[in-house]
């Protein structure tokens, strides 16, 4: 078995990154579920005169709007984590907040009865999950510190934990219950 000096990494770190990604995916899934529940139950509604409400099905803005923002932040973190001298945490938070900002602009457009703008923002919200990590990797073309597939596996586990965790937590705390 090669020693740490030969590989440059700790033996347990190959497992740590994917496990941490899965745990964070579950944490964010639980947060998205609670936010969906709260918005479906107590969220704003435009009343009878306006055609929007964030109650009931309107709360789907959380998993379909904030979900891609969380994926963008998580995948950006995992993509940059293996790079030398890159502030991966700051970049991932920025990527997630940019996704949230686009969702908030879409919400504001909906509330202001500009559904044409809100409809056009649907695709950028969904695409941001792939665009943000890709852009971060292009901007930081440094060679990765660690070779291997652990960050790719971690990215897949993060997405599976986020989606699967959200579906699981929806069974425990459903907006319709």
C-alpha atoms as a PDB file:
ATOM      1  CA  UNK A   1       0.000   0.000   0.000  1.00  0.00           C
ATOM      2  CA  UNK A   2       1.491   3.376  -0.957  1.00  0.00           C
ATOM      3  CA  UNK A   3       2.240   5.731   1.885  1.00  0.00           C
ATOM      4  CA  UNK A   4       0.868   9.233   2.282  1.00  0.00           C
ATOM      5  CA  UNK A   5       4.080  10.756   0.948  1.00  0.00           C
ATOM      6  CA  UNK A   6       3.726   8.748  -2.274  1.00  0.00           C
ATOM      7  CA  UNK A   7       0.084   9.594  -2.975  1.00  0.00           C
ATOM      8  CA  UNK A   8      -0.107  13.068  -1.426  1.00  0.00           C
ATOM      9  CA  UNK A   9      -3.472  12.331   0.174  1.00  0.00           C
ATOM     10  CA  UNK A  10      -4.722  10.634   3.293  1.00  0.00           C
ATOM     11  CA  UNK A  11      -6.217   7.161   2.708  1.00  0.00           C
ATOM     12  CA  UNK A  12      -9.533   8.063   4.398  1.00  0.00           C
ATOM     13  CA  UNK A  13     -10.019  11.231   2.331  1.00  0.00           C
ATOM     14  CA  UNK A  14     -11.156   9.185  -0.663  1.00  0.00           C
ATOM     15  CA  UNK A  15     -14.225   8.242   1.392  1.00  0.00           C
ATOM     16  CA  UNK A  16     -14.609  11.474   3.354  1.00  0.00           C
ATOM     17  CA  UNK A  17     -15.462  13.766   0.431  1.00  0.00           C
ATOM     18  CA  UNK A  18     -18.304  11.585  -0.985  1.00  0.00           C
ATOM     19  CA  UNK A  19     -19.734  10.915   2.491  1.00  0.00           C
ATOM     20  CA  UNK A  20     -19.643  14.617   3.373  1.00  0.00           C
ATOM     21  CA  UNK A  21     -21.333  15.451   0.066  1.00  0.00           C
ATOM     22  CA  UNK A  22     -24.118  12.943   0.742  1.00  0.00           C
ATOM     23  CA  UNK A  23     -24.634  14.280   4.266  1.00  0.00           C
ATOM     24  CA  UNK A  24     -24.808  17.874   3.025  1.00  0.00           C
ATOM     25  CA  UNK A  25     -27.248  16.757   0.321  1.00  0.00           C
ATOM     26  CA  UNK A  26     -29.520  15.311   3.006  1.00  0.00           C
ATOM     27  CA  UNK A  27     -29.216  18.451   5.144  1.00  0.00           C
ATOM     28  CA  UNK A  28     -30.204  20.693   2.244  1.00  0.00           C
ATOM     29  CA  UNK A  29     -33.014  18.285   1.298  1.00  0.00           C
ATOM     30  CA  UNK A  30     -34.456  18.596   4.790  1.00  0.00           C
ATOM     31  CA  UNK A  31     -34.190  22.397   4.664  1.00  0.00           C
ATOM     32  CA  UNK A  32     -35.890  22.528   1.266  1.00  0.00           C
ATOM     33  CA  UNK A  33     -38.665  20.271   2.546  1.00  0.00           C
ATOM     34  CA  UNK A  34     -39.307  22.411   5.618  1.00  0.00           C
ATOM     35  CA  UNK A  35     -39.315  25.574   3.497  1.00  0.00           C
ATOM     36  CA  UNK A  36     -41.723  23.954   1.021  1.00  0.00           C
ATOM     37  CA  UNK A  37     -44.019  22.958   3.880  1.00  0.00           C
ATOM     38  CA  UNK A  38     -43.994  26.447   5.380  1.00  0.00           C
ATOM     39  CA  UNK A  39     -44.557  28.164   2.039  1.00  0.00           C
ATOM     40  CA  UNK A  40     -47.379  25.783   1.071  1.00  0.00           C
ATOM     41  CA  UNK A  41     -49.139  26.354   4.368  1.00  0.00           C
ATOM     42  CA  UNK A  42     -48.432  29.963   5.270  1.00  0.00           C
ATOM     43  CA  UNK A  43     -46.978  31.559   2.147  1.00  0.00           C
ATOM     44  CA  UNK A  44     -48.274  34.711   0.491  1.00  0.00           C
ATOM     45  CA  UNK A  45     -51.251  34.693  -1.785  1.00  0.00           C
ATOM     46  CA  UNK A  46     -52.401  37.372  -4.173  1.00  0.00           C
ATOM     47  CA  UNK A  47     -56.064  36.925  -3.352  1.00  0.00           C
ATOM     48  CA  UNK A  48     -58.962  36.543  -5.771  1.00  0.00           C
ATOM     49  CA  UNK A  49     -58.047  39.481  -7.995  1.00  0.00           C
ATOM     50  CA  UNK A  50     -54.538  38.308  -8.939  1.00  0.00           C
ATOM     51  CA  UNK A  51     -53.561  34.973 -10.480  1.00  0.00           C
ATOM     52  CA  UNK A  52     -50.686  33.961  -8.217  1.00  0.00           C
ATOM     53  CA  UNK A  53     -50.243  32.203  -4.921  1.00  0.00           C
ATOM     54  CA  UNK A  54     -47.282  30.542  -3.275  1.00  0.00           C
ATOM     55  CA  UNK A  55     -49.556  28.368  -1.184  1.00  0.00           C
ATOM     56  CA  UNK A  56     -50.363  24.829  -2.271  1.00  0.00           C
ATOM     57  CA  UNK A  57     -48.776  24.062  -5.636  1.00  0.00           C
ATOM     58  CA  UNK A  58     -47.165  27.500  -5.673  1.00  0.00           C
ATOM     59  CA  UNK A  59     -44.715  26.189  -3.091  1.00  0.00           C
ATOM     60  CA  UNK A  60     -43.126  24.118  -5.860  1.00  0.00           C
ATOM     61  CA  UNK A  61     -40.968  27.185  -6.449  1.00  0.00           C
ATOM     62  CA  UNK A  62     -38.820  25.856  -3.602  1.00  0.00           C
ATOM     63  CA  UNK A  63     -37.749  22.473  -5.014  1.00  0.00           C
ATOM     64  CA  UNK A  64     -37.777  23.594  -8.657  1.00  0.00           C
ATOM     65  CA  UNK A  65     -36.245  27.022  -8.027  1.00  0.00           C
ATOM     66  CA  UNK A  66     -34.079  26.775  -4.949  1.00  0.00           C
ATOM     67  CA  UNK A  67     -33.204  23.126  -5.618  1.00  0.00           C
ATOM     68  CA  UNK A  68     -31.129  23.989  -8.723  1.00  0.00           C
ATOM     69  CA  UNK A  69     -29.495  26.843  -6.783  1.00  0.00           C
ATOM     70  CA  UNK A  70     -28.438  24.360  -4.086  1.00  0.00           C
ATOM     71  CA  UNK A  71     -27.151  21.979  -6.763  1.00  0.00           C
ATOM     72  CA  UNK A  72     -25.176  24.824  -8.344  1.00  0.00           C
ATOM     73  CA  UNK A  73     -23.540  25.672  -5.039  1.00  0.00           C
ATOM     74  CA  UNK A  74     -22.800  22.054  -4.138  1.00  0.00           C
ATOM     75  CA  UNK A  75     -21.426  21.090  -7.524  1.00  0.00           C
ATOM     76  CA  UNK A  76     -19.318  24.251  -7.658  1.00  0.00           C
ATOM     77  CA  UNK A  77     -17.876  23.409  -4.238  1.00  0.00           C
ATOM     78  CA  UNK A  78     -17.037  19.871  -5.307  1.00  0.00           C
ATOM     79  CA  UNK A  79     -15.569  20.976  -8.616  1.00  0.00           C
ATOM     80  CA  UNK A  80     -13.282  23.537  -7.022  1.00  0.00           C
ATOM     81  CA  UNK A  81     -12.465  21.582  -3.851  1.00  0.00           C
ATOM     82  CA  UNK A  82      -9.795  19.564  -5.612  1.00  0.00           C
ATOM     83  CA  UNK A  83      -8.052  22.648  -7.022  1.00  0.00           C
ATOM     84  CA  UNK A  84      -4.998  24.231  -5.451  1.00  0.00           C
ATOM     85  CA  UNK A  85      -5.233  27.795  -4.099  1.00  0.00           C
ATOM     86  CA  UNK A  86      -8.923  28.263  -4.894  1.00  0.00           C
ATOM     87  CA  UNK A  87     -11.421  29.543  -2.346  1.00  0.00           C
ATOM     88  CA  UNK A  88     -13.930  26.854  -3.180  1.00  0.00           C
ATOM     89  CA  UNK A  89     -16.305  27.658  -0.315  1.00  0.00           C
ATOM     90  CA  UNK A  90     -16.639  31.326  -1.278  1.00  0.00           C
ATOM     91  CA  UNK A  91     -17.218  30.428  -4.920  1.00  0.00           C
ATOM     92  CA  UNK A  92     -19.824  27.802  -4.049  1.00  0.00           C
ATOM     93  CA  UNK A  93     -21.747  30.163  -1.765  1.00  0.00           C
ATOM     94  CA  UNK A  94     -21.645  32.817  -4.495  1.00  0.00           C
ATOM     95  CA  UNK A  95     -22.942  30.313  -7.068  1.00  0.00           C
ATOM     96  CA  UNK A  96     -25.790  29.292  -4.775  1.00  0.00           C
ATOM     97  CA  UNK A  97     -26.703  32.904  -3.995  1.00  0.00           C
ATOM     98  CA  UNK A  98     -26.728  33.790  -7.697  1.00  0.00           C
ATOM     99  CA  UNK A  99     -29.219  30.984  -8.259  1.00  0.00           C
ATOM    100  CA  UNK A 100     -31.341  32.248  -5.372  1.00  0.00           C
ATOM    101  CA  UNK A 101     -31.191  35.777  -6.820  1.00  0.00           C
ATOM    102  CA  UNK A 102     -32.582  34.589 -10.162  1.00  0.00           C
ATOM    103  CA  UNK A 103     -35.391  32.763  -8.337  1.00  0.00           C
ATOM    104  CA  UNK A 104     -36.191  35.914  -6.332  1.00  0.00           C
ATOM    105  CA  UNK A 105     -36.320  37.986  -9.525  1.00  0.00           C
ATOM    106  CA  UNK A 106     -38.746  35.413 -10.937  1.00  0.00           C
ATOM    107  CA  UNK A 107     -40.849  35.629  -7.766  1.00  0.00           C
ATOM    108  CA  UNK A 108     -40.853  39.426  -7.942  1.00  0.00           C
ATOM    109  CA  UNK A 109     -41.900  39.289 -11.596  1.00  0.00           C
ATOM    110  CA  UNK A 110     -44.751  36.950 -10.675  1.00  0.00           C
ATOM    111  CA  UNK A 111     -45.945  39.184  -7.835  1.00  0.00           C
ATOM    112  CA  UNK A 112     -45.774  42.250 -10.097  1.00  0.00           C
ATOM    113  CA  UNK A 113     -47.932  40.405 -12.651  1.00  0.00           C
ATOM    114  CA  UNK A 114     -45.105  40.142 -15.178  1.00  0.00           C
ATOM    115  CA  UNK A 115     -45.622  36.455 -15.884  1.00  0.00           C
ATOM    116  CA  UNK A 116     -43.868  36.800 -19.240  1.00  0.00           C
ATOM    117  CA  UNK A 117     -40.609  37.637 -17.429  1.00  0.00           C
ATOM    118  CA  UNK A 118     -41.163  34.955 -14.790  1.00  0.00           C
ATOM    119  CA  UNK A 119     -41.741  32.355 -17.519  1.00  0.00           C
ATOM    120  CA  UNK A 120     -38.535  33.332 -19.322  1.00  0.00           C
ATOM    121  CA  UNK A 121     -36.533  32.982 -16.098  1.00  0.00           C
ATOM    122  CA  UNK A 122     -37.523  29.327 -15.701  1.00  0.00           C
ATOM    123  CA  UNK A 123     -34.788  28.055 -18.007  1.00  0.00           C
ATOM    124  CA  UNK A 124     -31.924  30.101 -16.505  1.00  0.00           C
ATOM    125  CA  UNK A 125     -32.968  28.924 -13.031  1.00  0.00           C
ATOM    126  CA  UNK A 126     -32.753  25.284 -14.105  1.00  0.00           C
ATOM    127  CA  UNK A 127     -29.637  25.714 -16.266  1.00  0.00           C
ATOM    128  CA  UNK A 128     -27.711  27.479 -13.482  1.00  0.00           C
ATOM    129  CA  UNK A 129     -27.127  24.112 -11.770  1.00  0.00           C
ATOM    130  CA  UNK A 130     -24.849  23.127 -14.664  1.00  0.00           C
ATOM    131  CA  UNK A 131     -23.630  26.551 -15.791  1.00  0.00           C
ATOM    132  CA  UNK A 132     -22.259  27.674 -12.401  1.00  0.00           C
ATOM    133  CA  UNK A 133     -19.869  24.756 -11.787  1.00  0.00           C
ATOM    134  CA  UNK A 134     -18.819  24.741 -15.444  1.00  0.00           C
ATOM    135  CA  UNK A 135     -18.049  28.449 -15.334  1.00  0.00           C
ATOM    136  CA  UNK A 136     -16.130  28.060 -12.068  1.00  0.00           C
ATOM    137  CA  UNK A 137     -14.005  25.288 -13.558  1.00  0.00           C
ATOM    138  CA  UNK A 138     -13.262  27.362 -16.668  1.00  0.00           C
ATOM    139  CA  UNK A 139     -12.256  30.345 -14.535  1.00  0.00           C
ATOM    140  CA  UNK A 140     -10.033  28.176 -12.325  1.00  0.00           C
ATOM    141  CA  UNK A 141      -8.171  25.962 -14.769  1.00  0.00           C
ATOM    142  CA  UNK A 142      -5.497  25.028 -12.272  1.00  0.00           C
ATOM    143  CA  UNK A 143      -4.559  21.393 -12.105  1.00  0.00           C
ATOM    144  CA  UNK A 144      -6.424  19.453  -9.457  1.00  0.00           C
ATOM    145  CA  UNK A 145      -4.555  18.661  -6.242  1.00  0.00           C
ATOM    146  CA  UNK A 146      -5.960  15.195  -6.038  1.00  0.00           C
ATOM    147  CA  UNK A 147      -6.343  12.816  -8.934  1.00  0.00           C
ATOM    148  CA  UNK A 148      -9.191  10.363  -8.957  1.00  0.00           C
ATOM    149  CA  UNK A 149     -12.905  10.205  -9.232  1.00  0.00           C
ATOM    150  CA  UNK A 150     -13.884  10.927  -5.638  1.00  0.00           C
ATOM    151  CA  UNK A 151     -15.202  14.420  -6.456  1.00  0.00           C
ATOM    152  CA  UNK A 152     -17.224  13.049  -9.368  1.00  0.00           C
ATOM    153  CA  UNK A 153     -18.670  10.347  -7.125  1.00  0.00           C
ATOM    154  CA  UNK A 154     -19.316  13.014  -4.480  1.00  0.00           C
ATOM    155  CA  UNK A 155     -21.191  15.165  -7.017  1.00  0.00           C
ATOM    156  CA  UNK A 156     -23.413  12.251  -7.992  1.00  0.00           C
ATOM    157  CA  UNK A 157     -24.031  11.368  -4.347  1.00  0.00           C
ATOM    158  CA  UNK A 158     -24.822  14.994  -3.525  1.00  0.00           C
ATOM    159  CA  UNK A 159     -27.474  15.143  -6.267  1.00  0.00           C
ATOM    160  CA  UNK A 160     -28.949  11.768  -5.315  1.00  0.00           C
ATOM    161  CA  UNK A 161     -29.023  12.669  -1.616  1.00  0.00           C
ATOM    162  CA  UNK A 162     -30.628  16.035  -2.375  1.00  0.00           C
ATOM    163  CA  UNK A 163     -33.376  14.660  -4.619  1.00  0.00           C
ATOM    164  CA  UNK A 164     -33.885  11.375  -2.780  1.00  0.00           C
ATOM    165  CA  UNK A 165     -33.697  13.062   0.593  1.00  0.00           C
ATOM    166  CA  UNK A 166     -36.268  15.636  -0.453  1.00  0.00           C
ATOM    167  CA  UNK A 167     -38.641  12.881  -1.596  1.00  0.00           C
ATOM    168  CA  UNK A 168     -38.065  10.997   1.662  1.00  0.00           C
ATOM    169  CA  UNK A 169     -38.612  14.062   3.846  1.00  0.00           C
ATOM    170  CA  UNK A 170     -41.755  14.894   1.862  1.00  0.00           C
ATOM    171  CA  UNK A 171     -43.179  11.620   3.168  1.00  0.00           C
ATOM    172  CA  UNK A 172     -42.473  12.744   6.738  1.00  0.00           C
ATOM    173  CA  UNK A 173     -43.549  16.391   6.395  1.00  0.00           C
ATOM    174  CA  UNK A 174     -45.824  16.727   3.417  1.00  0.00           C
ATOM    175  CA  UNK A 175     -47.212  20.183   2.564  1.00  0.00           C
ATOM    176  CA  UNK A 176     -50.653  18.630   2.226  1.00  0.00           C
ATOM    177  CA  UNK A 177     -50.671  17.077   5.701  1.00  0.00           C
END
